[in-house]
Amino acid sequence: VTTMVSLTVPFLASYFFDLPVLFLRLPIAIAICFYYLILVHTISFIISTFAFHFTKISSITVAKNLLLWLLMGELFPLDLLPPALYKIIAHLPFAGGIYIPVGYLTGRIDLSMVASSALSITLSLCVASLFAALLWRKGLESYVGTGA
């Protein structure tokens, strides 16, 4: 239901305000969003492995969410950044969450930038997955559970 609402509201807004949306690009934009979500869940898993060593990690999760919102372009468009910073952040995998799909749908970004984002997400996913597996194993080795 959330996905349906999340997709319906922007499309209705683009229709009523006559905003440029290239609907033929929608499948690729959705695919890059879902691919990015795999990376985000892997990062969340990495943070959850910190629970082996700390008693409360909710503040780390909040900090992660705020950082991701900033780097995705969800808090403000990445176009507002200084050009040097924009070039760096636009090529990080995090731009694949909001900025790249929306830019591709509106025609501001071409397919080569989407492919670059997919490659960046793939490399980051490989590194994050290896790191997550390592942290999980180390956590299981050091975990000591006690019962009542």
C-alpha atoms as a PDB file:
ATOM      1  CA  VAL A   1       0.000   0.000   0.000  1.00  0.00           C
ATOM      2  CA  THR A   2       2.815   2.405   0.880  1.00  0.00           C
ATOM      3  CA  THR A   3       4.467   1.851  -2.492  1.00  0.00           C
ATOM      4  CA  MET A   4       1.215   2.523  -4.311  1.00  0.00           C
ATOM      5  CA  VAL A   5       0.687   5.795  -2.431  1.00  0.00           C
ATOM      6  CA  SER A   6       4.337   6.751  -2.874  1.00  0.00           C
ATOM      7  CA  LEU A   7       4.021   6.303  -6.631  1.00  0.00           C
ATOM      8  CA  THR A   8       0.521   7.732  -7.046  1.00  0.00           C
ATOM      9  CA  VAL A   9       1.072  11.081  -5.328  1.00  0.00           C
ATOM     10  CA  PRO A  10       4.010  12.214  -7.501  1.00  0.00           C
ATOM     11  CA  PHE A  11       2.255  11.116 -10.696  1.00  0.00           C
ATOM     12  CA  LEU A  12      -0.908  12.989  -9.747  1.00  0.00           C
ATOM     13  CA  ALA A  13       1.160  16.070  -8.887  1.00  0.00           C
ATOM     14  CA  SER A  14       3.004  15.859 -12.220  1.00  0.00           C
ATOM     15  CA  TYR A  15      -0.332  15.561 -14.028  1.00  0.00           C
ATOM     16  CA  PHE A  16      -2.046  18.477 -12.256  1.00  0.00           C
ATOM     17  CA  PHE A  17       0.992  20.793 -12.434  1.00  0.00           C
ATOM     18  CA  ASP A  18       1.929  19.687 -15.978  1.00  0.00           C
ATOM     19  CA  LEU A  19       5.445  18.662 -14.950  1.00  0.00           C
ATOM     20  CA  PRO A  20       7.681  16.836 -17.433  1.00  0.00           C
ATOM     21  CA  VAL A  21       7.652  13.103 -16.754  1.00  0.00           C
ATOM     22  CA  LEU A  22       8.862  10.575 -19.308  1.00  0.00           C
ATOM     23  CA  PHE A  23       6.742   7.550 -18.416  1.00  0.00           C
ATOM     24  CA  LEU A  24       8.634   5.246 -20.785  1.00  0.00           C
ATOM     25  CA  ARG A  25      11.606   5.597 -18.442  1.00  0.00           C
ATOM     26  CA  LEU A  26       9.603   4.441 -15.414  1.00  0.00           C
ATOM     27  CA  PRO A  27      10.682   0.746 -15.413  1.00  0.00           C
ATOM     28  CA  ILE A  28      14.383   1.616 -15.309  1.00  0.00           C
ATOM     29  CA  ALA A  29      13.820   4.279 -12.638  1.00  0.00           C
ATOM     30  CA  ILE A  30      11.907   1.833 -10.444  1.00  0.00           C
ATOM     31  CA  ALA A  31      14.538  -0.862 -11.005  1.00  0.00           C
ATOM     32  CA  ILE A  32      17.364   1.416  -9.857  1.00  0.00           C
ATOM     33  CA  CYS A  33      15.314   2.390  -6.772  1.00  0.00           C
ATOM     34  CA  PHE A  34      14.757  -1.240  -5.792  1.00  0.00           C
ATOM     35  CA  TYR A  35      18.400  -2.082  -6.463  1.00  0.00           C
ATOM     36  CA  TYR A  36      19.396   0.813  -4.215  1.00  0.00           C
ATOM     37  CA  LEU A  37      17.075  -0.516  -1.497  1.00  0.00           C
ATOM     38  CA  ILE A  38      19.106  -3.738  -1.401  1.00  0.00           C
ATOM     39  CA  LEU A  39      22.175  -1.638  -0.591  1.00  0.00           C
ATOM     40  CA  VAL A  40      20.305   0.299   2.093  1.00  0.00           C
ATOM     41  CA  HIS A  41      19.098  -2.913   3.727  1.00  0.00           C
ATOM     42  CA  THR A  42      22.648  -4.255   3.683  1.00  0.00           C
ATOM     43  CA  ILE A  43      23.864  -1.075   5.391  1.00  0.00           C
ATOM     44  CA  SER A  44      21.060  -1.429   7.945  1.00  0.00           C
ATOM     45  CA  PHE A  45      22.153  -5.021   8.546  1.00  0.00           C
ATOM     46  CA  ILE A  46      25.716  -3.818   9.157  1.00  0.00           C
ATOM     47  CA  ILE A  47      24.445  -1.352  11.735  1.00  0.00           C
ATOM     48  CA  SER A  48      22.296  -4.028  13.355  1.00  0.00           C
ATOM     49  CA  THR A  49      25.415  -6.176  13.870  1.00  0.00           C
ATOM     50  CA  PHE A  50      26.652  -3.444  16.210  1.00  0.00           C
ATOM     51  CA  ALA A  51      24.026  -4.749  18.656  1.00  0.00           C
ATOM     52  CA  PHE A  52      26.433  -7.582  19.426  1.00  0.00           C
ATOM     53  CA  HIS A  53      28.710  -5.031  21.065  1.00  0.00           C
ATOM     54  CA  PHE A  54      26.435  -2.169  22.160  1.00  0.00           C
ATOM     55  CA  THR A  55      23.226  -2.191  24.144  1.00  0.00           C
ATOM     56  CA  LYS A  56      21.492   0.596  22.222  1.00  0.00           C
ATOM     57  CA  ILE A  57      22.100   1.441  18.576  1.00  0.00           C
ATOM     58  CA  SER A  58      18.986   3.445  17.728  1.00  0.00           C
ATOM     59  CA  SER A  59      20.939   6.712  17.601  1.00  0.00           C
ATOM     60  CA  ILE A  60      23.311   5.171  15.047  1.00  0.00           C
ATOM     61  CA  THR A  61      20.302   4.175  12.942  1.00  0.00           C
ATOM     62  CA  VAL A  62      18.891   7.707  13.117  1.00  0.00           C
ATOM     63  CA  ALA A  63      22.259   9.178  12.102  1.00  0.00           C
ATOM     64  CA  LYS A  64      22.448   6.705   9.192  1.00  0.00           C
ATOM     65  CA  ASN A  65      18.974   7.679   8.008  1.00  0.00           C
ATOM     66  CA  LEU A  66      19.751  11.397   8.146  1.00  0.00           C
ATOM     67  CA  LEU A  67      22.996  10.907   6.247  1.00  0.00           C
ATOM     68  CA  LEU A  68      21.284   8.809   3.588  1.00  0.00           C
ATOM     69  CA  TRP A  69      18.496  11.385   3.187  1.00  0.00           C
ATOM     70  CA  LEU A  70      21.120  14.061   2.675  1.00  0.00           C
ATOM     71  CA  LEU A  71      23.216  12.063   0.191  1.00  0.00           C
ATOM     72  CA  MET A  72      20.171  10.794  -1.768  1.00  0.00           C
ATOM     73  CA  GLY A  73      18.876  14.268  -2.455  1.00  0.00           C
ATOM     74  CA  GLU A  74      15.760  13.724  -0.376  1.00  0.00           C
ATOM     75  CA  LEU A  75      16.302  16.650   2.004  1.00  0.00           C
ATOM     76  CA  PHE A  76      17.221  19.025  -0.817  1.00  0.00           C
ATOM     77  CA  PRO A  77      18.118  18.576  -4.493  1.00  0.00           C
ATOM     78  CA  LEU A  78      21.747  17.702  -5.110  1.00  0.00           C
ATOM     79  CA  ASP A  79      21.771  20.345  -7.845  1.00  0.00           C
ATOM     80  CA  LEU A  80      21.975  22.996  -5.116  1.00  0.00           C
ATOM     81  CA  LEU A  81      25.392  21.758  -3.965  1.00  0.00           C
ATOM     82  CA  PRO A  82      28.605  23.461  -5.076  1.00  0.00           C
ATOM     83  CA  PRO A  83      29.780  21.953  -8.401  1.00  0.00           C
ATOM     84  CA  ALA A  84      32.803  20.152  -6.933  1.00  0.00           C
ATOM     85  CA  LEU A  85      30.743  18.551  -4.158  1.00  0.00           C
ATOM     86  CA  TYR A  86      27.938  17.734  -6.588  1.00  0.00           C
ATOM     87  CA  LYS A  87      30.318  15.771  -8.845  1.00  0.00           C
ATOM     88  CA  ILE A  88      31.426  13.650  -5.906  1.00  0.00           C
ATOM     89  CA  ILE A  89      28.007  12.995  -4.357  1.00  0.00           C
ATOM     90  CA  ALA A  90      26.237  12.398  -7.687  1.00  0.00           C
ATOM     91  CA  HIS A  91      28.638   9.526  -8.402  1.00  0.00           C
ATOM     92  CA  LEU A  92      28.227   7.886  -5.004  1.00  0.00           C
ATOM     93  CA  PRO A  93      25.749   5.016  -4.813  1.00  0.00           C
ATOM     94  CA  PHE A  94      23.424   7.016  -2.572  1.00  0.00           C
ATOM     95  CA  ALA A  95      22.287   9.289  -5.392  1.00  0.00           C
ATOM     96  CA  GLY A  96      20.638   6.197  -6.877  1.00  0.00           C
ATOM     97  CA  GLY A  97      17.928   6.363  -4.220  1.00  0.00           C
ATOM     98  CA  ILE A  98      16.145   9.562  -5.245  1.00  0.00           C
ATOM     99  CA  TYR A  99      18.232  11.920  -7.339  1.00  0.00           C
ATOM    100  CA  ILE A 100      19.134   9.614 -10.249  1.00  0.00           C
ATOM    101  CA  PRO A 101      15.673   8.013 -10.745  1.00  0.00           C
ATOM    102  CA  VAL A 102      13.833  11.339 -10.513  1.00  0.00           C
ATOM    103  CA  GLY A 103      16.337  13.048 -12.788  1.00  0.00           C
ATOM    104  CA  TYR A 104      16.011  10.213 -15.286  1.00  0.00           C
ATOM    105  CA  LEU A 105      12.198  10.373 -15.204  1.00  0.00           C
ATOM    106  CA  THR A 106      12.212  14.123 -15.765  1.00  0.00           C
ATOM    107  CA  GLY A 107      14.780  13.982 -18.550  1.00  0.00           C
ATOM    108  CA  ARG A 108      17.542  15.849 -16.708  1.00  0.00           C
ATOM    109  CA  ILE A 109      19.763  12.747 -16.509  1.00  0.00           C
ATOM    110  CA  ASP A 110      20.606  10.389 -19.341  1.00  0.00           C
ATOM    111  CA  LEU A 111      20.959   6.618 -19.347  1.00  0.00           C
ATOM    112  CA  SER A 112      24.748   6.751 -18.967  1.00  0.00           C
ATOM    113  CA  MET A 113      24.372   8.402 -15.544  1.00  0.00           C
ATOM    114  CA  VAL A 114      21.863   5.694 -14.550  1.00  0.00           C
ATOM    115  CA  ALA A 115      24.329   3.015 -15.654  1.00  0.00           C
ATOM    116  CA  SER A 116      27.089   4.735 -13.688  1.00  0.00           C
ATOM    117  CA  SER A 117      24.828   4.771 -10.638  1.00  0.00           C
ATOM    118  CA  ALA A 118      24.018   1.066 -11.068  1.00  0.00           C
ATOM    119  CA  LEU A 119      27.731   0.279 -11.252  1.00  0.00           C
ATOM    120  CA  SER A 120      28.393   2.343  -8.138  1.00  0.00           C
ATOM    121  CA  ILE A 121      25.592   0.564  -6.279  1.00  0.00           C
ATOM    122  CA  THR A 122      26.930  -2.815  -7.411  1.00  0.00           C
ATOM    123  CA  LEU A 123      30.464  -2.100  -6.185  1.00  0.00           C
ATOM    124  CA  SER A 124      29.167  -0.720  -2.892  1.00  0.00           C
ATOM    125  CA  LEU A 125      26.872  -3.700  -2.452  1.00  0.00           C
ATOM    126  CA  CYS A 126      29.786  -6.096  -2.919  1.00  0.00           C
ATOM    127  CA  VAL A 127      31.902  -4.267  -0.345  1.00  0.00           C
ATOM    128  CA  ALA A 128      28.997  -3.856   2.097  1.00  0.00           C
ATOM    129  CA  SER A 129      28.015  -7.535   1.785  1.00  0.00           C
ATOM    130  CA  LEU A 130      31.543  -8.708   2.550  1.00  0.00           C
ATOM    131  CA  PHE A 131      31.741  -6.303   5.466  1.00  0.00           C
ATOM    132  CA  ALA A 132      28.332  -7.445   6.757  1.00  0.00           C
ATOM    133  CA  ALA A 133      29.336 -11.118   6.603  1.00  0.00           C
ATOM    134  CA  LEU A 134      32.567 -10.375   8.456  1.00  0.00           C
ATOM    135  CA  LEU A 135      30.808  -8.373  11.172  1.00  0.00           C
ATOM    136  CA  TRP A 136      28.132 -11.055  11.558  1.00  0.00           C
ATOM    137  CA  ARG A 137      30.707 -13.792  12.065  1.00  0.00           C
ATOM    138  CA  LYS A 138      32.753 -11.692  14.497  1.00  0.00           C
ATOM    139  CA  GLY A 139      29.589 -10.819  16.378  1.00  0.00           C
ATOM    140  CA  LEU A 140      28.531 -14.440  16.728  1.00  0.00           C
ATOM    141  CA  GLU A 141      31.977 -15.351  18.041  1.00  0.00           C
ATOM    142  CA  SER A 142      31.952 -12.646  20.697  1.00  0.00           C
ATOM    143  CA  TYR A 143      28.292 -12.761  21.695  1.00  0.00           C
ATOM    144  CA  VAL A 144      27.508 -14.030  25.153  1.00  0.00           C
ATOM    145  CA  GLY A 145      23.834 -14.444  25.943  1.00  0.00           C
ATOM    146  CA  THR A 146      22.551 -14.913  29.444  1.00  0.00           C
ATOM    147  CA  GLY A 147      19.109 -15.938  30.510  1.00  0.00           C
ATOM    148  CA  ALA A 148      16.999 -15.193  33.498  1.00  0.00           C
END
